N, C-alpha and C. Protein backbone atom coordinates (compact mmCIF):
# COMPACT_ATOMS: atom_id res chain seq x y z
N MET A 1 100.82 101.76 97.26
CA MET A 1 99.46 102.25 97.21
C MET A 1 99.47 103.64 96.65
N ALA A 2 98.64 103.85 95.66
CA ALA A 2 98.51 105.18 95.07
C ALA A 2 97.04 105.58 95.11
N THR A 3 96.79 106.85 95.03
CA THR A 3 95.42 107.31 95.02
C THR A 3 95.17 108.15 93.78
N THR A 4 93.97 108.07 93.28
CA THR A 4 93.58 108.90 92.16
C THR A 4 92.32 109.65 92.55
N GLY A 5 91.85 110.50 91.70
CA GLY A 5 90.65 111.26 92.01
C GLY A 5 89.41 110.40 92.12
N SER A 6 89.42 109.23 91.49
CA SER A 6 88.23 108.40 91.46
C SER A 6 88.21 107.33 92.54
N GLY A 7 89.31 107.10 93.23
CA GLY A 7 89.28 106.08 94.28
C GLY A 7 90.64 105.53 94.62
N ILE A 8 90.61 104.36 95.22
CA ILE A 8 91.83 103.72 95.71
C ILE A 8 92.38 102.80 94.64
N THR A 9 93.69 102.86 94.43
CA THR A 9 94.35 101.93 93.52
C THR A 9 95.43 101.19 94.30
N ALA A 10 95.80 100.00 93.83
CA ALA A 10 96.80 99.20 94.51
C ALA A 10 97.53 98.32 93.50
N TYR A 11 98.56 97.65 93.97
CA TYR A 11 99.33 96.72 93.15
C TYR A 11 98.63 95.36 93.16
N SER A 12 98.43 94.79 91.98
CA SER A 12 97.83 93.47 91.88
C SER A 12 98.93 92.42 91.81
N VAL A 13 99.02 91.59 92.84
CA VAL A 13 100.06 90.57 92.90
C VAL A 13 99.82 89.51 91.83
N LYS A 14 98.57 89.17 91.61
CA LYS A 14 98.25 88.10 90.66
C LYS A 14 98.60 88.48 89.23
N THR A 15 98.26 89.70 88.82
CA THR A 15 98.52 90.12 87.44
C THR A 15 99.81 90.92 87.31
N LYS A 16 100.47 91.23 88.45
CA LYS A 16 101.73 91.99 88.49
C LYS A 16 101.61 93.34 87.77
N THR A 17 100.53 94.05 88.05
CA THR A 17 100.33 95.37 87.47
C THR A 17 100.13 96.39 88.59
N LYS A 18 100.58 97.62 88.33
CA LYS A 18 100.48 98.70 89.32
C LYS A 18 99.26 99.55 89.05
N ASN A 19 98.82 100.26 90.09
CA ASN A 19 97.72 101.24 90.01
C ASN A 19 96.42 100.66 89.45
N VAL A 20 96.06 99.47 89.92
CA VAL A 20 94.81 98.84 89.52
C VAL A 20 93.70 99.39 90.39
N PRO A 21 92.60 99.91 89.80
CA PRO A 21 91.50 100.45 90.62
C PRO A 21 90.84 99.37 91.46
N MET A 22 90.54 99.71 92.71
CA MET A 22 89.91 98.79 93.64
C MET A 22 88.39 99.03 93.60
N ILE A 23 87.63 97.95 93.49
CA ILE A 23 86.18 98.03 93.43
C ILE A 23 85.61 97.73 94.80
N ASP A 24 84.70 98.57 95.27
CA ASP A 24 84.04 98.45 96.58
C ASP A 24 85.02 98.22 97.73
N PRO A 25 85.98 99.15 97.93
CA PRO A 25 86.92 98.95 99.03
C PRO A 25 86.30 99.18 100.40
N VAL A 26 86.77 98.41 101.37
CA VAL A 26 86.37 98.56 102.77
C VAL A 26 87.66 98.77 103.57
N ILE A 27 87.70 99.83 104.38
CA ILE A 27 88.89 100.13 105.16
C ILE A 27 88.72 99.64 106.59
N ASP A 28 89.58 98.70 106.99
CA ASP A 28 89.58 98.15 108.34
C ASP A 28 90.79 98.68 109.09
N VAL A 29 90.70 98.70 110.42
CA VAL A 29 91.83 99.06 111.26
C VAL A 29 92.25 97.81 112.00
N LYS A 30 93.49 97.36 111.74
CA LYS A 30 94.03 96.18 112.40
C LYS A 30 95.41 96.52 112.93
N SER A 31 95.60 96.40 114.23
CA SER A 31 96.87 96.68 114.91
C SER A 31 97.36 98.09 114.62
N GLY A 32 96.45 99.05 114.53
CA GLY A 32 96.82 100.42 114.28
C GLY A 32 97.10 100.77 112.84
N ARG A 33 96.94 99.81 111.93
CA ARG A 33 97.17 100.04 110.51
C ARG A 33 95.83 100.14 109.78
N TYR A 34 95.77 101.00 108.81
CA TYR A 34 94.55 101.19 108.01
C TYR A 34 94.72 100.42 106.71
N ILE A 35 93.89 99.41 106.53
CA ILE A 35 94.03 98.50 105.40
C ILE A 35 92.76 98.53 104.55
N ALA A 36 92.92 98.90 103.28
CA ALA A 36 91.80 98.88 102.34
C ALA A 36 91.79 97.53 101.64
N SER A 37 90.65 96.85 101.68
CA SER A 37 90.49 95.56 101.02
C SER A 37 89.38 95.66 99.99
N GLY A 38 89.62 95.08 98.84
CA GLY A 38 88.61 95.09 97.79
C GLY A 38 88.99 94.12 96.69
N LYS A 39 88.39 94.29 95.53
CA LYS A 39 88.66 93.41 94.39
C LYS A 39 88.93 94.26 93.16
N ASP A 40 89.64 93.66 92.20
CA ASP A 40 89.83 94.35 90.93
C ASP A 40 88.71 93.95 89.97
N SER A 41 88.77 94.43 88.74
CA SER A 41 87.68 94.17 87.79
C SER A 41 87.56 92.70 87.43
N ALA A 42 88.63 91.91 87.61
CA ALA A 42 88.59 90.48 87.31
C ALA A 42 88.16 89.64 88.51
N GLY A 43 87.94 90.29 89.67
CA GLY A 43 87.49 89.57 90.85
C GLY A 43 88.61 89.10 91.75
N ASN A 44 89.86 89.50 91.47
CA ASN A 44 90.99 89.12 92.32
C ASN A 44 91.01 90.01 93.55
N LYS A 45 91.29 89.41 94.72
CA LYS A 45 91.35 90.18 95.96
C LYS A 45 92.59 91.06 95.98
N MET A 46 92.43 92.29 96.55
CA MET A 46 93.53 93.23 96.65
C MET A 46 93.50 93.90 98.01
N SER A 47 94.65 94.36 98.49
CA SER A 47 94.74 95.11 99.74
C SER A 47 95.76 96.22 99.58
N ALA A 48 95.56 97.29 100.35
CA ALA A 48 96.51 98.40 100.35
C ALA A 48 96.56 98.99 101.75
N ILE A 49 97.76 99.26 102.24
CA ILE A 49 97.95 99.87 103.55
C ILE A 49 98.12 101.37 103.34
N MET A 50 97.45 102.16 104.19
CA MET A 50 97.51 103.61 104.05
C MET A 50 97.54 104.28 105.41
N SER A 51 97.79 105.58 105.40
CA SER A 51 97.81 106.34 106.64
C SER A 51 96.39 106.64 107.11
N LYS A 52 96.28 107.08 108.36
CA LYS A 52 94.98 107.42 108.92
C LYS A 52 94.35 108.58 108.14
N ALA A 53 95.15 109.58 107.80
CA ALA A 53 94.64 110.75 107.07
C ALA A 53 94.11 110.36 105.69
N THR A 54 94.84 109.50 105.00
CA THR A 54 94.41 109.05 103.68
C THR A 54 93.13 108.22 103.78
N ALA A 55 93.06 107.35 104.78
CA ALA A 55 91.88 106.51 104.97
C ALA A 55 90.65 107.36 105.25
N GLU A 56 90.79 108.35 106.15
CA GLU A 56 89.66 109.21 106.47
C GLU A 56 89.24 110.05 105.27
N GLU A 57 90.18 110.47 104.44
CA GLU A 57 89.88 111.25 103.25
C GLU A 57 89.05 110.42 102.26
N HIS A 58 89.43 109.16 102.05
CA HIS A 58 88.67 108.28 101.14
C HIS A 58 87.26 108.03 101.65
N ILE A 59 87.11 107.86 102.95
CA ILE A 59 85.79 107.63 103.53
C ILE A 59 84.94 108.89 103.40
N LYS A 60 85.54 110.04 103.65
CA LYS A 60 84.83 111.32 103.54
C LYS A 60 84.34 111.57 102.11
N LYS A 61 85.18 111.23 101.12
CA LYS A 61 84.82 111.42 99.71
C LYS A 61 83.82 110.37 99.22
N GLY A 62 83.65 109.28 99.97
CA GLY A 62 82.74 108.22 99.56
C GLY A 62 83.40 107.17 98.70
N ASN A 63 84.73 107.16 98.63
CA ASN A 63 85.44 106.17 97.82
C ASN A 63 85.51 104.80 98.51
N ALA A 64 85.33 104.79 99.84
CA ALA A 64 85.43 103.54 100.59
C ALA A 64 84.45 103.57 101.76
N LYS A 65 84.22 102.39 102.33
CA LYS A 65 83.33 102.25 103.48
C LYS A 65 84.18 101.92 104.71
N LYS A 66 83.66 102.27 105.89
CA LYS A 66 84.32 101.91 107.13
C LYS A 66 84.08 100.43 107.41
N GLY A 67 85.14 99.76 107.83
CA GLY A 67 85.02 98.36 108.20
C GLY A 67 85.10 98.20 109.70
N THR A 68 85.78 97.17 110.15
CA THR A 68 85.89 96.88 111.57
C THR A 68 87.09 97.60 112.16
N GLY A 69 87.08 97.80 113.47
CA GLY A 69 88.22 98.35 114.17
C GLY A 69 88.18 99.84 114.38
N TRP A 70 87.20 100.54 113.84
CA TRP A 70 87.13 101.99 114.01
C TRP A 70 86.61 102.24 115.38
């Protein structure tokens, strides 16, 4: 999982490419882990695991929305 100034990026398993921008990510907390879920530009589902500090920073900047588990 990498971050850029414009939002959350992740590895796309389907296309095997790195740093793919995530569209409309939602960050959920499951078992103490912060997981961003969203889609790429082609509509493929993507997920990225991040730290609590990183998750809160993305929500504060407006790059992602809070999901369940908070």
